[in-house]
Amino acid sequence: MLIGDLAARTGTTTRALRYYEEQGLLESGRSTAGYRVYGPGAEARVRNIRDLLASGFTVENVKSFVRFLDADLPEVFAYSDSCAANYEVGAQRVAELNERVEALTRMRDTLVHRMPWLAAPTVS
């Protein structure tokens, strides 16, 4: 499958696919004309990459899950000792996101304190 076909099937862009390749998340071969050609598993891999990114993981985080990207990802990950390093990546990302949420909440509270009318309910 050519890059444009893969992009259309996965709802992404060719630019994103080339980026995933640069980051080592996706592999392609080359046609005789030099076009990128993807194997049958590329569609599932790209969907999994996009799913993990949409879940809040970074590209660097997704790299740690690369060996799992070719199979359907579970809705809920079960903990096992063999995957402890992967779960540490998830725990660290949740901690980072919690810090960002707290920082945004403090910013919002400061803004509302300075402009209290922003917190007042609107009348329709």
PDB file of N, CA and C in Angstrom:
ATOM      1  N   MET A   1       0.857  -1.163   0.000  1.00  0.00           N
ATOM      2  CA  MET A   1       0.000   0.000   0.000  1.00  0.00           C
ATOM      3  C   MET A   1       0.908   1.233   0.000  1.00  0.00           C
ATOM      4  N   LEU A   2       0.556   2.209  -0.800  1.00  0.00           N
ATOM      5  CA  LEU A   2       1.336   3.444  -0.894  1.00  0.00           C
ATOM      6  C   LEU A   2       0.991   4.388   0.255  1.00  0.00           C
ATOM      7  N   ILE A   3       1.851   5.361   0.492  1.00  0.00           N
ATOM      8  CA  ILE A   3       1.707   6.256   1.628  1.00  0.00           C
ATOM      9  C   ILE A   3       0.369   7.015   1.611  1.00  0.00           C
ATOM     10  N   GLY A   4      -0.064   7.454   0.450  1.00  0.00           N
ATOM     11  CA  GLY A   4      -1.338   8.169   0.367  1.00  0.00           C
ATOM     12  C   GLY A   4      -2.515   7.286   0.728  1.00  0.00           C
ATOM     13  N   ASP A   5      -2.455   6.018   0.314  1.00  0.00           N
ATOM     14  CA  ASP A   5      -3.513   5.062   0.653  1.00  0.00           C
ATOM     15  C   ASP A   5      -3.545   4.806   2.158  1.00  0.00           C
ATOM     16  N   LEU A   6      -2.368   4.632   2.761  1.00  0.00           N
ATOM     17  CA  LEU A   6      -2.294   4.395   4.205  1.00  0.00           C
ATOM     18  C   LEU A   6      -2.807   5.611   4.973  1.00  0.00           C
ATOM     19  N   ALA A   7      -2.443   6.786   4.526  1.00  0.00           N
ATOM     20  CA  ALA A   7      -2.917   8.006   5.184  1.00  0.00           C
ATOM     21  C   ALA A   7      -4.441   8.088   5.122  1.00  0.00           C
ATOM     22  N   ALA A   8      -5.016   7.820   3.967  1.00  0.00           N
ATOM     23  CA  ALA A   8      -6.469   7.882   3.811  1.00  0.00           C
ATOM     24  C   ALA A   8      -7.167   6.831   4.662  1.00  0.00           C
ATOM     25  N   ARG A   9      -6.631   5.637   4.712  1.00  0.00           N
ATOM     26  CA  ARG A   9      -7.256   4.551   5.478  1.00  0.00           C
ATOM     27  C   ARG A   9      -7.179   4.763   6.981  1.00  0.00           C
ATOM     28  N   THR A  10      -6.189   5.508   7.443  1.00  0.00           N
ATOM     29  CA  THR A  10      -6.003   5.689   8.882  1.00  0.00           C
ATOM     30  C   THR A  10      -6.397   7.082   9.367  1.00  0.00           C
ATOM     31  N   GLY A  11      -6.841   7.930   8.455  1.00  0.00           N
ATOM     32  CA  GLY A  11      -7.278   9.265   8.848  1.00  0.00           C
ATOM     33  C   GLY A  11      -6.142  10.155   9.308  1.00  0.00           C
ATOM     34  N   THR A  12      -4.980   9.975   8.725  1.00  0.00           N
ATOM     35  CA  THR A  12      -3.830  10.797   9.085  1.00  0.00           C
ATOM     36  C   THR A  12      -3.256  11.429   7.823  1.00  0.00           C
ATOM     37  N   THR A  13      -2.100  12.034   7.954  1.00  0.00           N
ATOM     38  CA  THR A  13      -1.470  12.687   6.815  1.00  0.00           C
ATOM     39  C   THR A  13      -0.213  11.936   6.413  1.00  0.00           C
ATOM     40  N   THR A  14       0.210  12.157   5.195  1.00  0.00           N
ATOM     41  CA  THR A  14       1.464  11.549   4.746  1.00  0.00           C
ATOM     42  C   THR A  14       2.631  12.109   5.552  1.00  0.00           C
ATOM     43  N   ARG A  15       2.526  13.356   5.933  1.00  0.00           N
ATOM     44  CA  ARG A  15       3.585  13.968   6.748  1.00  0.00           C
ATOM     45  C   ARG A  15       3.722  13.250   8.089  1.00  0.00           C
ATOM     46  N   ALA A  16       2.589  12.929   8.718  1.00  0.00           N
ATOM     47  CA  ALA A  16       2.625  12.205   9.995  1.00  0.00           C
ATOM     48  C   ALA A  16       3.236  10.821   9.804  1.00  0.00           C
ATOM     49  N   LEU A  17       2.892  10.157   8.735  1.00  0.00           N
ATOM     50  CA  LEU A  17       3.449   8.822   8.486  1.00  0.00           C
ATOM     51  C   LEU A  17       4.959   8.875   8.304  1.00  0.00           C
ATOM     52  N   ARG A  18       5.434   9.870   7.564  1.00  0.00           N
ATOM     53  CA  ARG A  18       6.892  10.017   7.408  1.00  0.00           C
ATOM     54  C   ARG A  18       7.545  10.307   8.759  1.00  0.00           C
ATOM     55  N   TYR A  19       6.879  11.098   9.600  1.00  0.00           N
ATOM     56  CA  TYR A  19       7.401  11.392  10.943  1.00  0.00           C
ATOM     57  C   TYR A  19       7.463  10.112  11.781  1.00  0.00           C
ATOM     58  N   TYR A  20       6.410   9.307  11.742  1.00  0.00           N
ATOM     59  CA  TYR A  20       6.429   8.046  12.490  1.00  0.00           C
ATOM     60  C   TYR A  20       7.595   7.173  12.035  1.00  0.00           C
ATOM     61  N   GLU A  21       7.876   7.178  10.739  1.00  0.00           N
ATOM     62  CA  GLU A  21       9.031   6.432  10.230  1.00  0.00           C
ATOM     63  C   GLU A  21      10.335   6.988  10.784  1.00  0.00           C
ATOM     64  N   GLU A  22      10.480   8.301  10.747  1.00  0.00           N
ATOM     65  CA  GLU A  22      11.702   8.935  11.266  1.00  0.00           C
ATOM     66  C   GLU A  22      11.927   8.579  12.725  1.00  0.00           C
ATOM     67  N   GLN A  23      10.839   8.416  13.469  1.00  0.00           N
ATOM     68  CA  GLN A  23      10.927   8.122  14.892  1.00  0.00           C
ATOM     69  C   GLN A  23      11.077   6.627  15.185  1.00  0.00           C
ATOM     70  N   GLY A  24      11.073   5.806  14.138  1.00  0.00           N
ATOM     71  CA  GLY A  24      11.242   4.362  14.319  1.00  0.00           C
ATOM     72  C   GLY A  24       9.969   3.628  14.708  1.00  0.00           C
ATOM     73  N   LEU A  25       8.818   4.256  14.525  1.00  0.00           N
ATOM     74  CA  LEU A  25       7.555   3.628  14.886  1.00  0.00           C
ATOM     75  C   LEU A  25       6.916   2.874  13.727  1.00  0.00           C
ATOM     76  N   LEU A  26       7.328   3.154  12.517  1.00  0.00           N
ATOM     77  CA  LEU A  26       6.716   2.593  11.323  1.00  0.00           C
ATOM     78  C   LEU A  26       7.812   2.303  10.305  1.00  0.00           C
ATOM     79  N   GLU A  27       7.642   1.234   9.547  1.00  0.00           N
ATOM     80  CA  GLU A  27       8.627   0.871   8.525  1.00  0.00           C
ATOM     81  C   GLU A  27       7.956   0.765   7.168  1.00  0.00           C
ATOM     82  N   SER A  28       8.716   1.082   6.135  1.00  0.00           N
ATOM     83  CA  SER A  28       8.215   0.920   4.775  1.00  0.00           C
ATOM     84  C   SER A  28       9.323   0.373   3.897  1.00  0.00           C
ATOM     85  N   GLY A  29       8.905  -0.185   2.803  1.00  0.00           N
ATOM     86  CA  GLY A  29       9.845  -0.583   1.767  1.00  0.00           C
ATOM     87  C   GLY A  29       9.774   0.458   0.669  1.00  0.00           C
ATOM     88  N   ARG A  30      10.405   0.181  -0.447  1.00  0.00           N
ATOM     89  CA  ARG A  30      10.366   1.103  -1.581  1.00  0.00           C
ATOM     90  C   ARG A  30       9.944   0.349  -2.833  1.00  0.00           C
ATOM     91  N   SER A  31       9.127   1.002  -3.632  1.00  0.00           N
ATOM     92  CA  SER A  31       8.748   0.430  -4.927  1.00  0.00           C
ATOM     93  C   SER A  31       9.906   0.651  -5.893  1.00  0.00           C
ATOM     94  N   THR A  32       9.816   0.081  -7.064  1.00  0.00           N
ATOM     95  CA  THR A  32      10.872   0.280  -8.059  1.00  0.00           C
ATOM     96  C   THR A  32      10.974   1.742  -8.466  1.00  0.00           C
ATOM     97  N   ALA A  33       9.871   2.475  -8.310  1.00  0.00           N
ATOM     98  CA  ALA A  33       9.876   3.905  -8.636  1.00  0.00           C
ATOM     99  C   ALA A  33      10.325   4.754  -7.441  1.00  0.00           C
ATOM    100  N   GLY A  34      10.612   4.119  -6.305  1.00  0.00           N
ATOM    101  CA  GLY A  34      11.098   4.846  -5.147  1.00  0.00           C
ATOM    102  C   GLY A  34      10.021   5.297  -4.176  1.00  0.00           C
ATOM    103  N   TYR A  35       8.774   4.913  -4.419  1.00  0.00           N
ATOM    104  CA  TYR A  35       7.686   5.291  -3.518  1.00  0.00           C
ATOM    105  C   TYR A  35       7.691   4.416  -2.278  1.00  0.00           C
ATOM    106  N   ARG A  36       7.268   4.994  -1.151  1.00  0.00           N
ATOM    107  CA  ARG A  36       7.125   4.206   0.064  1.00  0.00           C
ATOM    108  C   ARG A  36       6.001   3.191  -0.122  1.00  0.00           C
ATOM    109  N   VAL A  37       6.271   1.960   0.307  1.00  0.00           N
ATOM    110  CA  VAL A  37       5.276   0.889   0.239  1.00  0.00           C
ATOM    111  C   VAL A  37       5.182   0.265   1.627  1.00  0.00           C
ATOM    112  N   TYR A  38       3.953   0.154   2.132  1.00  0.00           N
ATOM    113  CA  TYR A  38       3.721  -0.382   3.468  1.00  0.00           C
ATOM    114  C   TYR A  38       3.082  -1.754   3.382  1.00  0.00           C
ATOM    115  N   GLY A  39       3.432  -2.608   4.328  1.00  0.00           N
ATOM    116  CA  GLY A  39       2.886  -3.957   4.396  1.00  0.00           C
ATOM    117  C   GLY A  39       1.481  -3.969   4.973  1.00  0.00           C
ATOM    118  N   PRO A  40       0.873  -5.145   5.011  1.00  0.00           N
ATOM    119  CA  PRO A  40      -0.509  -5.266   5.458  1.00  0.00           C
ATOM    120  C   PRO A  40      -0.724  -4.881   6.927  1.00  0.00           C
ATOM    121  N   GLY A  41       0.288  -4.971   7.768  1.00  0.00           N
ATOM    122  CA  GLY A  41       0.133  -4.636   9.180  1.00  0.00           C
ATOM    123  C   GLY A  41       0.270  -3.156   9.484  1.00  0.00           C
ATOM    124  N   ALA A  42       0.618  -2.357   8.500  1.00  0.00           N
ATOM    125  CA  ALA A  42       0.869  -0.932   8.736  1.00  0.00           C
ATOM    126  C   ALA A  42      -0.381  -0.190   9.196  1.00  0.00           C
ATOM    127  N   GLU A  43      -1.518  -0.575   8.659  1.00  0.00           N
ATOM    128  CA  GLU A  43      -2.756   0.120   9.026  1.00  0.00           C
ATOM    129  C   GLU A  43      -3.058  -0.037  10.516  1.00  0.00           C
ATOM    130  N   ALA A  44      -2.957  -1.256  11.033  1.00  0.00           N
ATOM    131  CA  ALA A  44      -3.191  -1.487  12.467  1.00  0.00           C
ATOM    132  C   ALA A  44      -2.147  -0.752  13.301  1.00  0.00           C
ATOM    133  N   ARG A  45      -0.902  -0.769  12.858  1.00  0.00           N
ATOM    134  CA  ARG A  45       0.162  -0.096  13.608  1.00  0.00           C
ATOM    135  C   ARG A  45      -0.104   1.397  13.699  1.00  0.00           C
ATOM    136  N   VAL A  46      -0.469   2.024  12.589  1.00  0.00           N
ATOM    137  CA  VAL A  46      -0.727   3.464  12.591  1.00  0.00           C
ATOM    138  C   VAL A  46      -1.930   3.785  13.480  1.00  0.00           C
ATOM    139  N   ARG A  47      -2.969   2.973  13.404  1.00  0.00           N
ATOM    140  CA  ARG A  47      -4.142   3.201  14.273  1.00  0.00           C
ATOM    141  C   ARG A  47      -3.749   3.120  15.747  1.00  0.00           C
ATOM    142  N   ASN A  48      -2.885   2.154  16.090  1.00  0.00           N
ATOM    143  CA  ASN A  48      -2.435   2.022  17.474  1.00  0.00           C
ATOM    144  C   ASN A  48      -1.575   3.204  17.900  1.00  0.00           C
ATOM    145  N   ILE A  49      -0.697   3.654  17.022  1.00  0.00           N
ATOM    146  CA  ILE A  49       0.130   4.821  17.326  1.00  0.00           C
ATOM    147  C   ILE A  49      -0.771   6.017  17.601  1.00  0.00           C
ATOM    148  N   ARG A  50      -1.732   6.247  16.720  1.00  0.00           N
ATOM    149  CA  ARG A  50      -2.641   7.389  16.876  1.00  0.00           C
ATOM    150  C   ARG A  50      -3.488   7.260  18.137  1.00  0.00           C
ATOM    151  N   ASP A  51      -3.905   6.043  18.457  1.00  0.00           N
ATOM    152  CA  ASP A  51      -4.700   5.806  19.661  1.00  0.00           C
ATOM    153  C   ASP A  51      -3.889   6.135  20.915  1.00  0.00           C
ATOM    154  N   LEU A  52      -2.643   5.684  20.953  1.00  0.00           N
ATOM    155  CA  LEU A  52      -1.796   5.967  22.118  1.00  0.00           C
ATOM    156  C   LEU A  52      -1.493   7.464  22.236  1.00  0.00           C
ATOM    157  N   LEU A  53      -1.240   8.117  21.114  1.00  0.00           N
ATOM    158  CA  LEU A  53      -1.001   9.563  21.147  1.00  0.00           C
ATOM    159  C   LEU A  53      -2.249  10.307  21.622  1.00  0.00           C
ATOM    160  N   ALA A  54      -3.416   9.881  21.160  1.00  0.00           N
ATOM    161  CA  ALA A  54      -4.668  10.517  21.579  1.00  0.00           C
ATOM    162  C   ALA A  54      -4.972  10.255  23.051  1.00  0.00           C
ATOM    163  N   SER A  55      -4.404   9.175  23.595  1.00  0.00           N
ATOM    164  CA  SER A  55      -4.594   8.849  25.009  1.00  0.00           C
ATOM    165  C   SER A  55      -3.727   9.692  25.928  1.00  0.00           C
ATOM    166  N   GLY A  56      -2.807  10.457  25.347  1.00  0.00           N
ATOM    167  CA  GLY A  56      -1.966  11.312  26.168  1.00  0.00           C
ATOM    168  C   GLY A  56      -0.501  10.940  26.192  1.00  0.00           C
ATOM    169  N   PHE A  57      -0.140   9.849  25.529  1.00  0.00           N
ATOM    170  CA  PHE A  57       1.269   9.484  25.457  1.00  0.00           C
ATOM    171  C   PHE A  57       1.980  10.377  24.449  1.00  0.00           C
ATOM    172  N   THR A  58       3.269  10.554  24.631  1.00  0.00           N
ATOM    173  CA  THR A  58       4.097  11.276  23.676  1.00  0.00           C
ATOM    174  C   THR A  58       4.683  10.270  22.688  1.00  0.00           C
ATOM    175  N   VAL A  59       5.284  10.755  21.623  1.00  0.00           N
ATOM    176  CA  VAL A  59       5.942   9.870  20.664  1.00  0.00           C
ATOM    177  C   VAL A  59       7.046   9.082  21.368  1.00  0.00           C
ATOM    178  N   GLU A  60       7.778   9.742  22.248  1.00  0.00           N
ATOM    179  CA  GLU A  60       8.825   9.034  23.000  1.00  0.00           C
ATOM    180  C   GLU A  60       8.237   7.909  23.831  1.00  0.00           C
ATOM    181  N   ASN A  61       7.072   8.148  24.456  1.00  0.00           N
ATOM    182  CA  ASN A  61       6.404   7.099  25.222  1.00  0.00           C
ATOM    183  C   ASN A  61       6.013   5.942  24.321  1.00  0.00           C
ATOM    184  N   VAL A  62       5.446   6.261  23.162  1.00  0.00           N
ATOM    185  CA  VAL A  62       4.965   5.234  22.234  1.00  0.00           C
ATOM    186  C   VAL A  62       6.121   4.342  21.778  1.00  0.00           C
ATOM    187  N   LYS A  63       7.311   4.894  21.686  1.00  0.00           N
ATOM    188  CA  LYS A  63       8.474   4.085  21.296  1.00  0.00           C
ATOM    189  C   LYS A  63       8.668   2.908  22.242  1.00  0.00           C
ATOM    190  N   SER A  64       8.350   3.080  23.509  1.00  0.00           N
ATOM    191  CA  SER A  64       8.528   1.983  24.463  1.00  0.00           C
ATOM    192  C   SER A  64       7.498   0.876  24.258  1.00  0.00           C
ATOM    193  N   PHE A  65       6.422   1.164  23.530  1.00  0.00           N
ATOM    194  CA  PHE A  65       5.381   0.167  23.274  1.00  0.00           C
ATOM    195  C   PHE A  65       5.489  -0.437  21.876  1.00  0.00           C
ATOM    196  N   VAL A  66       6.556  -0.167  21.151  1.00  0.00           N
ATOM    197  CA  VAL A  66       6.651  -0.535  19.732  1.00  0.00           C
ATOM    198  C   VAL A  66       6.415  -2.031  19.492  1.00  0.00           C
ATOM    199  N   ARG A  67       6.817  -2.876  20.392  1.00  0.00           N
ATOM    200  CA  ARG A  67       6.638  -4.324  20.160  1.00  0.00           C
ATOM    201  C   ARG A  67       5.182  -4.764  20.272  1.00  0.00           C
ATOM    202  N   PHE A  68       4.315  -3.879  20.802  1.00  0.00           N
ATOM    203  CA  PHE A  68       2.901  -4.211  20.945  1.00  0.00           C
ATOM    204  C   PHE A  68       2.019  -3.567  19.870  1.00  0.00           C
ATOM    205  N   LEU A  69       2.594  -2.785  18.990  1.00  0.00           N
ATOM    206  CA  LEU A  69       1.805  -1.960  18.079  1.00  0.00           C
ATOM    207  C   LEU A  69       1.158  -2.717  16.923  1.00  0.00           C
ATOM    208  N   ASP A  70       1.552  -3.943  16.683  1.00  0.00           N
ATOM    209  CA  ASP A  70       1.010  -4.668  15.540  1.00  0.00           C
ATOM    210  C   ASP A  70      -0.235  -5.487  15.875  1.00  0.00           C
ATOM    211  N   ALA A  71      -0.582  -5.586  17.139  1.00  0.00           N
ATOM    212  CA  ALA A  71      -1.782  -6.316  17.564  1.00  0.00           C
ATOM    213  C   ALA A  71      -2.799  -5.318  18.101  1.00  0.00           C
ATOM    214  N   ASP A  72      -4.030  -5.765  18.207  1.00  0.00           N
ATOM    215  CA  ASP A  72      -5.053  -4.891  18.785  1.00  0.00           C
ATOM    216  C   ASP A  72      -4.655  -4.534  20.215  1.00  0.00           C
ATOM    217  N   LEU A  73      -4.726  -3.257  20.527  1.00  0.00           N
ATOM    218  CA  LEU A  73      -4.433  -2.822  21.887  1.00  0.00           C
ATOM    219  C   LEU A  73      -5.641  -3.101  22.767  1.00  0.00           C
ATOM    220  N   PRO A  74      -5.420  -3.559  23.986  1.00  0.00           N
ATOM    221  CA  PRO A  74      -6.564  -3.807  24.873  1.00  0.00           C
ATOM    222  C   PRO A  74      -7.189  -2.492  25.333  1.00  0.00           C
ATOM    223  N   GLU A  75      -8.466  -2.531  25.628  1.00  0.00           N
ATOM    224  CA  GLU A  75      -9.166  -1.357  26.148  1.00  0.00           C
ATOM    225  C   GLU A  75      -8.566  -0.959  27.499  1.00  0.00           C
ATOM    226  N   VAL A  76      -8.254  -1.973  28.313  1.00  0.00           N
ATOM    227  CA  VAL A  76      -7.637  -1.763  29.629  1.00  0.00           C
ATOM    228  C   VAL A  76      -6.413  -2.661  29.689  1.00  0.00           C
ATOM    229  N   PHE A  77      -5.275  -2.079  30.043  1.00  0.00           N
ATOM    230  CA  PHE A  77      -4.054  -2.860  30.141  1.00  0.00           C
ATOM    231  C   PHE A  77      -4.011  -3.563  31.493  1.00  0.00           C
ATOM    232  N   ALA A  78      -3.782  -4.872  31.473  1.00  0.00           N
ATOM    233  CA  ALA A  78      -3.641  -5.637  32.706  1.00  0.00           C
ATOM    234  C   ALA A  78      -2.174  -5.589  33.124  1.00  0.00           C
ATOM    235  N   TYR A  79      -1.929  -5.468  34.426  1.00  0.00           N
ATOM    236  CA  TYR A  79      -0.551  -5.380  34.916  1.00  0.00           C
ATOM    237  C   TYR A  79       0.073  -6.761  34.964  1.00  0.00           C
ATOM    238  N   SER A  80       1.330  -6.858  34.543  1.00  0.00           N
ATOM    239  CA  SER A  80       2.111  -8.082  34.695  1.00  0.00           C
ATOM    240  C   SER A  80       3.567  -7.685  34.912  1.00  0.00           C
ATOM    241  N   ASP A  81       4.297  -8.518  35.619  1.00  0.00           N
ATOM    242  CA  ASP A  81       5.707  -8.223  35.897  1.00  0.00           C
ATOM    243  C   ASP A  81       6.533  -8.112  34.622  1.00  0.00           C
ATOM    244  N   SER A  82       6.151  -8.857  33.577  1.00  0.00           N
ATOM    245  CA  SER A  82       6.928  -8.821  32.331  1.00  0.00           C
ATOM    246  C   SER A  82       6.780  -7.482  31.605  1.00  0.00           C
ATOM    247  N   CYS A  83       5.768  -6.714  31.952  1.00  0.00           N
ATOM    248  CA  CYS A  83       5.541  -5.418  31.301  1.00  0.00           C
ATOM    249  C   CYS A  83       5.755  -4.246  32.262  1.00  0.00           C
ATOM    250  N   ALA A  84       6.432  -4.491  33.377  1.00  0.00           N
ATOM    251  CA  ALA A  84       6.584  -3.459  34.413  1.00  0.00           C
ATOM    252  C   ALA A  84       7.193  -2.171  33.869  1.00  0.00           C
ATOM    253  N   ALA A  85       8.164  -2.271  32.984  1.00  0.00           N
ATOM    254  CA  ALA A  85       8.803  -1.067  32.432  1.00  0.00           C
ATOM    255  C   ALA A  85       7.808  -0.253  31.626  1.00  0.00           C
ATOM    256  N   ASN A  86       6.930  -0.922  30.887  1.00  0.00           N
ATOM    257  CA  ASN A  86       5.915  -0.219  30.110  1.00  0.00           C
ATOM    258  C   ASN A  86       4.902   0.474  31.016  1.00  0.00           C
ATOM    259  N   TYR A  87       4.567  -0.172  32.106  1.00  0.00           N
ATOM    260  CA  TYR A  87       3.620   0.445  33.029  1.00  0.00           C
ATOM    261  C   TYR A  87       4.249   1.642  33.733  1.00  0.00           C
ATOM    262  N   GLU A  88       5.549   1.596  33.932  1.00  0.00           N
ATOM    263  CA  GLU A  88       6.248   2.746  34.515  1.00  0.00           C
ATOM    264  C   GLU A  88       6.145   3.950  33.585  1.00  0.00           C
ATOM    265  N   VAL A  89       6.237   3.709  32.268  1.00  0.00           N
ATOM    266  CA  VAL A  89       6.083   4.788  31.280  1.00  0.00           C
ATOM    267  C   VAL A  89       4.699   5.413  31.439  1.00  0.00           C
ATOM    268  N   GLY A  90       3.680   4.574  31.564  1.00  0.00           N
ATOM    269  CA  GLY A  90       2.317   5.077  31.740  1.00  0.00           C
ATOM    270  C   GLY A  90       2.152   5.842  33.033  1.00  0.00           C
ATOM    271  N   ALA A  91       2.700   5.321  34.113  1.00  0.00           N
ATOM    272  CA  ALA A  91       2.589   5.990  35.406  1.00  0.00           C
ATOM    273  C   ALA A  91       3.284   7.347  35.383  1.00  0.00           C
ATOM    274  N   GLN A  92       4.443   7.415  34.747  1.00  0.00           N
ATOM    275  CA  GLN A  92       5.168   8.681  34.645  1.00  0.00           C
ATOM    276  C   GLN A  92       4.379   9.684  33.827  1.00  0.00           C
ATOM    277  N   ARG A  93       3.762   9.219  32.739  1.00  0.00           N
ATOM    278  CA  ARG A  93       2.989  10.138  31.889  1.00  0.00           C
ATOM    279  C   ARG A  93       1.773  10.669  32.637  1.00  0.00           C
ATOM    280  N   VAL A  94       1.101   9.810  33.404  1.00  0.00           N
ATOM    281  CA  VAL A  94      -0.043  10.269  34.205  1.00  0.00           C
ATOM    282  C   VAL A  94       0.415  11.315  35.219  1.00  0.00           C
ATOM    283  N   ALA A  95       1.560  11.103  35.843  1.00  0.00           N
ATOM    284  CA  ALA A  95       2.091  12.079  36.802  1.00  0.00           C
ATOM    285  C   ALA A  95       2.370  13.415  36.116  1.00  0.00           C
ATOM    286  N   GLU A  96       2.958  13.363  34.906  1.00  0.00           N
ATOM    287  CA  GLU A  96       3.228  14.599  34.156  1.00  0.00           C
ATOM    288  C   GLU A  96       1.935  15.324  33.809  1.00  0.00           C
ATOM    289  N   LEU A  97       0.940  14.583  33.375  1.00  0.00           N
ATOM    290  CA  LEU A  97      -0.345  15.196  33.031  1.00  0.00           C
ATOM    291  C   LEU A  97      -1.030  15.783  34.264  1.00  0.00           C
ATOM    292  N   ASN A  98      -0.919  15.101  35.393  1.00  0.00           N
ATOM    293  CA  ASN A  98      -1.492  15.638  36.632  1.00  0.00           C
ATOM    294  C   ASN A  98      -0.850  16.975  36.995  1.00  0.00           C
ATOM    295  N   GLU A  99       0.463  17.068  36.818  1.00  0.00           N
ATOM    296  CA  GLU A  99       1.158  18.328  37.092  1.00  0.00           C
ATOM    297  C   GLU A  99       0.657  19.437  36.171  1.00  0.00           C
ATOM    298  N   ARG A 100       0.443  19.111  34.906  1.00  0.00           N
ATOM    299  CA  ARG A 100      -0.054  20.110  33.956  1.00  0.00           C
ATOM    300  C   ARG A 100      -1.467  20.552  34.301  1.00  0.00           C
ATOM    301  N   VAL A 101      -2.317  19.591  34.697  1.00  0.00           N
ATOM    302  CA  VAL A 101      -3.690  19.931  35.090  1.00  0.00           C
ATOM    303  C   VAL A 101      -3.669  20.859  36.296  1.00  0.00           C
ATOM    304  N   GLU A 102      -2.831  20.558  37.279  1.00  0.00           N
ATOM    305  CA  GLU A 102      -2.724  21.410  38.469  1.00  0.00           C
ATOM    306  C   GLU A 102      -2.233  22.806  38.101  1.00  0.00           C
ATOM    307  N   ALA A 103      -1.263  22.892  37.218  1.00  0.00           N
ATOM    308  CA  ALA A 103      -0.747  24.199  36.798  1.00  0.00           C
ATOM    309  C   ALA A 103      -1.820  24.990  36.061  1.00  0.00           C
ATOM    310  N   LEU A 104      -2.555  24.345  35.183  1.00  0.00           N
ATOM    311  CA  LEU A 104      -3.636  25.032  34.463  1.00  0.00           C
ATOM    312  C   LEU A 104      -4.746  25.468  35.418  1.00  0.00           C
ATOM    313  N   THR A 105      -5.048  24.649  36.402  1.00  0.00           N
ATOM    314  CA  THR A 105      -6.068  25.011  37.386  1.00  0.00           C
ATOM    315  C   THR A 105      -5.632  26.238  38.179  1.00  0.00           C
ATOM    316  N   ARG A 106      -4.357  26.285  38.580  1.00  0.00           N
ATOM    317  CA  ARG A 106      -3.850  27.459  39.295  1.00  0.00           C
ATOM    318  C   ARG A 106      -3.940  28.707  38.418  1.00  0.00           C
ATOM    319  N   MET A 107      -3.582  28.564  37.137  1.00  0.00           N
ATOM    320  CA  MET A 107      -3.670  29.704  36.215  1.00  0.00           C
ATOM    321  C   MET A 107      -5.106  30.186  36.083  1.00  0.00           C
ATOM    322  N   ARG A 108      -6.025  29.258  35.888  1.00  0.00           N
ATOM    323  CA  ARG A 108      -7.433  29.624  35.764  1.00  0.00           C
ATOM    324  C   ARG A 108      -7.920  30.323  37.028  1.00  0.00           C
ATOM    325  N   ASP A 109      -7.580  29.783  38.190  1.00  0.00           N
ATOM    326  CA  ASP A 109      -8.009  30.380  39.461  1.00  0.00           C
ATOM    327  C   ASP A 109      -7.450  31.788  39.637  1.00  0.00           C
ATOM    328  N   THR A 110      -6.211  31.993  39.221  1.00  0.00           N
ATOM    329  CA  THR A 110      -5.603  33.324  39.295  1.00  0.00           C
ATOM    330  C   THR A 110      -6.331  34.297  38.386  1.00  0.00           C
ATOM    331  N   LEU A 111      -6.633  33.869  37.186  1.00  0.00           N
ATOM    332  CA  LEU A 111      -7.345  34.723  36.239  1.00  0.00           C
ATOM    333  C   LEU A 111      -8.738  35.073  36.759  1.00  0.00           C
ATOM    334  N   VAL A 112      -9.456  34.095  37.286  1.00  0.00           N
ATOM    335  CA  VAL A 112     -10.803  34.347  37.828  1.00  0.00           C
ATOM    336  C   VAL A 112     -10.719  35.271  39.038  1.00  0.00           C
ATOM    337  N   HIS A 113      -9.679  35.119  39.851  1.00  0.00           N
ATOM    338  CA  HIS A 113      -9.504  36.007  41.004  1.00  0.00           C
ATOM    339  C   HIS A 113      -9.340  37.454  40.543  1.00  0.00           C
ATOM    340  N   ARG A 114      -8.568  37.648  39.473  1.00  0.00           N
ATOM    341  CA  ARG A 114      -8.335  38.997  38.963  1.00  0.00           C
ATOM    342  C   ARG A 114      -9.520  39.544  38.179  1.00  0.00           C
ATOM    343  N   MET A 115     -10.301  38.668  37.620  1.00  0.00           N
ATOM    344  CA  MET A 115     -11.464  39.067  36.819  1.00  0.00           C
ATOM    345  C   MET A 115     -12.659  38.229  37.281  1.00  0.00           C
ATOM    346  N   PRO A 116     -13.205  38.537  38.455  1.00  0.00           N
ATOM    347  CA  PRO A 116     -14.229  37.669  39.048  1.00  0.00           C
ATOM    348  C   PRO A 116     -15.485  37.526  38.210  1.00  0.00           C
ATOM    349  N   TRP A 117     -15.762  38.458  37.338  1.00  0.00           N
ATOM    350  CA  TRP A 117     -16.958  38.349  36.506  1.00  0.00           C
ATOM    351  C   TRP A 117     -16.881  37.159  35.550  1.00  0.00           C
ATOM    352  N   LEU A 118     -15.644  36.644  35.331  1.00  0.00           N
ATOM    353  CA  LEU A 118     -15.486  35.485  34.461  1.00  0.00           C
ATOM    354  C   LEU A 118     -16.092  34.231  35.079  1.00  0.00           C
ATOM    355  N   ALA A 119     -16.163  34.197  36.403  1.00  0.00           N
ATOM    356  CA  ALA A 119     -16.698  33.015  37.085  1.00  0.00           C
ATOM    357  C   ALA A 119     -18.199  33.122  37.283  1.00  0.00           C
ATOM    358  N   ALA A 120     -18.777  34.304  37.091  1.00  0.00           N
ATOM    359  CA  ALA A 120     -20.206  34.489  37.309  1.00  0.00           C
ATOM    360  C   ALA A 120     -21.006  33.762  36.235  1.00  0.00           C
ATOM    361  N   PRO A 121     -22.105  33.124  36.629  1.00  0.00           N
ATOM    362  CA  PRO A 121     -22.919  32.421  35.619  1.00  0.00           C
ATOM    363  C   PRO A 121     -23.561  33.447  34.663  1.00  0.00           C
ATOM    364  N   THR A 122     -23.716  33.048  33.440  1.00  0.00           N
ATOM    365  CA  THR A 122     -24.340  33.920  32.456  1.00  0.00           C
ATOM    366  C   THR A 122     -25.846  33.741  32.500  1.00  0.00           C
ATOM    367  N   VAL A 123     -26.561  34.827  32.228  1.00  0.00           N
ATOM    368  CA  VAL A 123     -28.026  34.802  32.212  1.00  0.00           C
ATOM    369  C   VAL A 123     -28.471  34.751  30.766  1.00  0.00           C
ATOM    370  N   SER A 124     -29.351  33.796  30.460  1.00  0.00           N
ATOM    371  CA  SER A 124     -29.821  33.692  29.084  1.00  0.00           C
ATOM    372  C   SER A 124     -31.142  34.376  28.901  1.00  0.00           C
TER     373      SER A 124
END
